[in-house]
Amino acid sequence: MASPPALFNFYVDAVCRRLSIATQGTRVVTYHGFGGHMPRGFRLASREKAGSDELELWIKDVPTPTI
């Protein structure tokens, strides 16, 4: 079985891959982040205090390139 840090990295990488191919207009809300950096094309549209951190709304403005 993989160690907790290895699983954490696996899932963060999986989320980054999915977000990088998300369609234009996709919205993502994070609380305490998600462990990685938002991929290119997402902009921070809103941020507000919530509990012990902040809620952030990210919107993908740049279309996903097609191959």
N, C-alpha and C. Protein backbone atom coordinates (compact mmCIF):
# COMPACT_ATOMS: atom_id res chain seq x y z
N MET A 1 0.84 -1.18 0.00
CA MET A 1 0.00 0.00 0.00
C MET A 1 0.89 1.24 0.00
N ALA A 2 0.49 2.25 -0.75
CA ALA A 2 1.27 3.48 -0.85
C ALA A 2 1.18 4.27 0.45
N SER A 3 2.23 5.03 0.72
CA SER A 3 2.26 5.87 1.91
C SER A 3 1.30 7.05 1.75
N PRO A 4 0.83 7.63 2.85
CA PRO A 4 -0.07 8.79 2.75
C PRO A 4 0.50 9.93 1.89
N PRO A 5 1.79 10.31 2.04
CA PRO A 5 2.30 11.37 1.17
C PRO A 5 2.28 10.98 -0.31
N ALA A 6 2.55 9.72 -0.60
CA ALA A 6 2.52 9.26 -2.00
C ALA A 6 1.10 9.32 -2.55
N LEU A 7 0.12 8.91 -1.74
CA LEU A 7 -1.28 8.99 -2.19
C LEU A 7 -1.72 10.43 -2.37
N PHE A 8 -1.33 11.29 -1.44
CA PHE A 8 -1.66 12.71 -1.56
C PHE A 8 -1.13 13.27 -2.88
N ASN A 9 0.13 13.00 -3.19
CA ASN A 9 0.73 13.49 -4.44
C ASN A 9 0.04 12.89 -5.65
N PHE A 10 -0.32 11.62 -5.57
CA PHE A 10 -1.03 10.96 -6.67
C PHE A 10 -2.34 11.68 -6.96
N TYR A 11 -3.12 11.97 -5.90
CA TYR A 11 -4.41 12.61 -6.09
C TYR A 11 -4.29 14.07 -6.52
N VAL A 12 -3.32 14.79 -6.01
CA VAL A 12 -3.10 16.18 -6.45
C VAL A 12 -2.73 16.19 -7.93
N ASP A 13 -1.85 15.29 -8.35
CA ASP A 13 -1.47 15.21 -9.76
C ASP A 13 -2.68 14.87 -10.63
N ALA A 14 -3.54 13.97 -10.15
CA ALA A 14 -4.74 13.60 -10.90
C ALA A 14 -5.67 14.79 -11.07
N VAL A 15 -5.85 15.57 -10.00
CA VAL A 15 -6.70 16.76 -10.08
C VAL A 15 -6.10 17.77 -11.06
N CYS A 16 -4.81 17.99 -10.99
CA CYS A 16 -4.15 18.93 -11.92
C CYS A 16 -4.34 18.51 -13.37
N ARG A 17 -4.21 17.20 -13.64
CA ARG A 17 -4.40 16.72 -15.01
C ARG A 17 -5.83 16.96 -15.48
N ARG A 18 -6.79 16.67 -14.62
CA ARG A 18 -8.20 16.88 -15.00
C ARG A 18 -8.51 18.36 -15.21
N LEU A 19 -7.99 19.21 -14.33
CA LEU A 19 -8.23 20.65 -14.49
C LEU A 19 -7.58 21.19 -15.75
N SER A 20 -6.42 20.67 -16.11
CA SER A 20 -5.72 21.19 -17.30
C SER A 20 -6.49 20.91 -18.58
N ILE A 21 -7.36 19.89 -18.59
CA ILE A 21 -8.15 19.59 -19.79
C ILE A 21 -9.61 20.04 -19.65
N ALA A 22 -9.93 20.71 -18.57
CA ALA A 22 -11.30 21.19 -18.35
C ALA A 22 -11.67 22.20 -19.43
N THR A 23 -12.94 22.27 -19.75
CA THR A 23 -13.39 23.18 -20.79
C THR A 23 -13.46 24.62 -20.27
N GLN A 24 -13.42 25.54 -21.21
CA GLN A 24 -13.54 26.96 -20.88
C GLN A 24 -14.86 27.17 -20.14
N GLY A 25 -14.84 27.98 -19.09
CA GLY A 25 -16.02 28.25 -18.28
C GLY A 25 -16.12 27.37 -17.04
N THR A 26 -15.24 26.37 -16.93
CA THR A 26 -15.24 25.51 -15.73
C THR A 26 -14.96 26.36 -14.50
N ARG A 27 -15.72 26.10 -13.44
CA ARG A 27 -15.54 26.81 -12.18
C ARG A 27 -15.11 25.82 -11.11
N VAL A 28 -14.16 26.27 -10.28
CA VAL A 28 -13.64 25.44 -9.21
C VAL A 28 -13.62 26.28 -7.94
N VAL A 29 -14.16 25.74 -6.85
CA VAL A 29 -14.11 26.42 -5.56
C VAL A 29 -13.17 25.62 -4.66
N THR A 30 -12.22 26.31 -4.04
CA THR A 30 -11.29 25.66 -3.13
C THR A 30 -11.42 26.26 -1.74
N TYR A 31 -11.13 25.43 -0.76
CA TYR A 31 -11.09 25.85 0.64
C TYR A 31 -9.82 25.24 1.20
N HIS A 32 -8.90 26.04 1.66
CA HIS A 32 -7.56 25.59 2.05
C HIS A 32 -6.82 25.04 0.82
N GLY A 33 -7.18 25.51 -0.37
CA GLY A 33 -6.54 25.03 -1.60
C GLY A 33 -6.87 23.57 -1.86
N PHE A 34 -6.15 22.99 -2.81
CA PHE A 34 -6.34 21.56 -3.06
C PHE A 34 -5.01 20.82 -3.03
N GLY A 35 -3.94 21.55 -2.70
CA GLY A 35 -2.63 20.91 -2.58
C GLY A 35 -1.69 21.19 -3.73
N GLY A 36 -2.23 21.74 -4.81
CA GLY A 36 -1.39 22.03 -5.98
C GLY A 36 -1.64 23.45 -6.44
N HIS A 37 -1.12 23.75 -7.62
CA HIS A 37 -1.32 25.07 -8.22
C HIS A 37 -2.36 24.93 -9.32
N MET A 38 -3.22 25.94 -9.44
CA MET A 38 -4.21 25.91 -10.51
C MET A 38 -3.48 25.94 -11.85
N PRO A 39 -3.91 25.11 -12.79
CA PRO A 39 -3.26 25.09 -14.10
C PRO A 39 -3.45 26.41 -14.85
N ARG A 40 -2.63 26.61 -15.84
CA ARG A 40 -2.74 27.77 -16.71
C ARG A 40 -4.14 27.88 -17.27
N GLY A 41 -4.59 29.10 -17.43
CA GLY A 41 -5.91 29.34 -18.00
C GLY A 41 -6.98 29.63 -16.96
N PHE A 42 -6.69 29.32 -15.69
CA PHE A 42 -7.64 29.62 -14.61
C PHE A 42 -7.28 30.97 -14.00
N ARG A 43 -8.30 31.76 -13.69
CA ARG A 43 -8.06 33.02 -12.99
C ARG A 43 -8.84 33.00 -11.69
N LEU A 44 -8.29 33.65 -10.70
CA LEU A 44 -8.96 33.78 -9.41
C LEU A 44 -10.02 34.87 -9.55
N ALA A 45 -11.29 34.49 -9.49
CA ALA A 45 -12.40 35.43 -9.71
C ALA A 45 -12.91 36.03 -8.41
N SER A 46 -12.78 35.29 -7.31
CA SER A 46 -13.33 35.77 -6.05
C SER A 46 -12.64 35.06 -4.89
N ARG A 47 -12.55 35.77 -3.78
CA ARG A 47 -11.97 35.20 -2.55
C ARG A 47 -12.71 35.82 -1.38
N GLU A 48 -13.11 34.97 -0.43
CA GLU A 48 -13.76 35.50 0.78
C GLU A 48 -13.42 34.64 1.98
N LYS A 49 -13.37 35.29 3.13
CA LYS A 49 -13.08 34.59 4.38
C LYS A 49 -14.19 33.58 4.66
N ALA A 50 -13.76 32.43 5.17
CA ALA A 50 -14.72 31.38 5.56
C ALA A 50 -14.04 30.52 6.60
N GLY A 51 -14.61 30.46 7.78
CA GLY A 51 -14.02 29.63 8.82
C GLY A 51 -12.59 30.03 9.11
N SER A 52 -11.69 29.06 9.08
CA SER A 52 -10.29 29.32 9.40
C SER A 52 -9.43 29.67 8.18
N ASP A 53 -10.06 29.81 7.01
CA ASP A 53 -9.29 30.14 5.80
C ASP A 53 -10.15 30.95 4.85
N GLU A 54 -10.03 30.68 3.57
CA GLU A 54 -10.78 31.41 2.56
C GLU A 54 -11.35 30.44 1.53
N LEU A 55 -12.48 30.85 0.96
CA LEU A 55 -13.03 30.20 -0.22
C LEU A 55 -12.49 30.96 -1.42
N GLU A 56 -12.05 30.24 -2.43
CA GLU A 56 -11.58 30.87 -3.66
C GLU A 56 -12.35 30.29 -4.83
N LEU A 57 -12.81 31.18 -5.71
CA LEU A 57 -13.49 30.77 -6.94
C LEU A 57 -12.54 30.99 -8.11
N TRP A 58 -12.27 29.91 -8.82
CA TRP A 58 -11.40 29.95 -9.99
C TRP A 58 -12.25 29.66 -11.23
N ILE A 59 -12.01 30.41 -12.31
CA ILE A 59 -12.75 30.21 -13.56
C ILE A 59 -11.75 30.03 -14.68
N LYS A 60 -12.00 29.01 -15.51
CA LYS A 60 -11.12 28.78 -16.65
C LYS A 60 -11.57 29.68 -17.78
N ASP A 61 -10.72 30.63 -18.15
CA ASP A 61 -11.04 31.61 -19.19
C ASP A 61 -10.43 31.24 -20.53
N VAL A 62 -9.34 30.51 -20.51
CA VAL A 62 -8.63 30.19 -21.74
C VAL A 62 -9.11 28.83 -22.24
N PRO A 63 -9.51 28.75 -23.52
CA PRO A 63 -9.97 27.46 -24.04
C PRO A 63 -8.89 26.38 -23.96
N THR A 64 -9.31 25.14 -23.79
CA THR A 64 -8.40 24.01 -23.80
C THR A 64 -7.95 23.78 -25.24
N PRO A 65 -6.63 23.72 -25.48
CA PRO A 65 -6.18 23.49 -26.86
C PRO A 65 -6.59 22.09 -27.33
N THR A 66 -6.94 22.00 -28.59
CA THR A 66 -7.26 20.69 -29.16
C THR A 66 -6.07 20.18 -29.96
N ILE A 67 -5.97 18.88 -29.99
CA ILE A 67 -4.83 18.26 -30.71
C ILE A 67 -5.25 17.89 -32.11
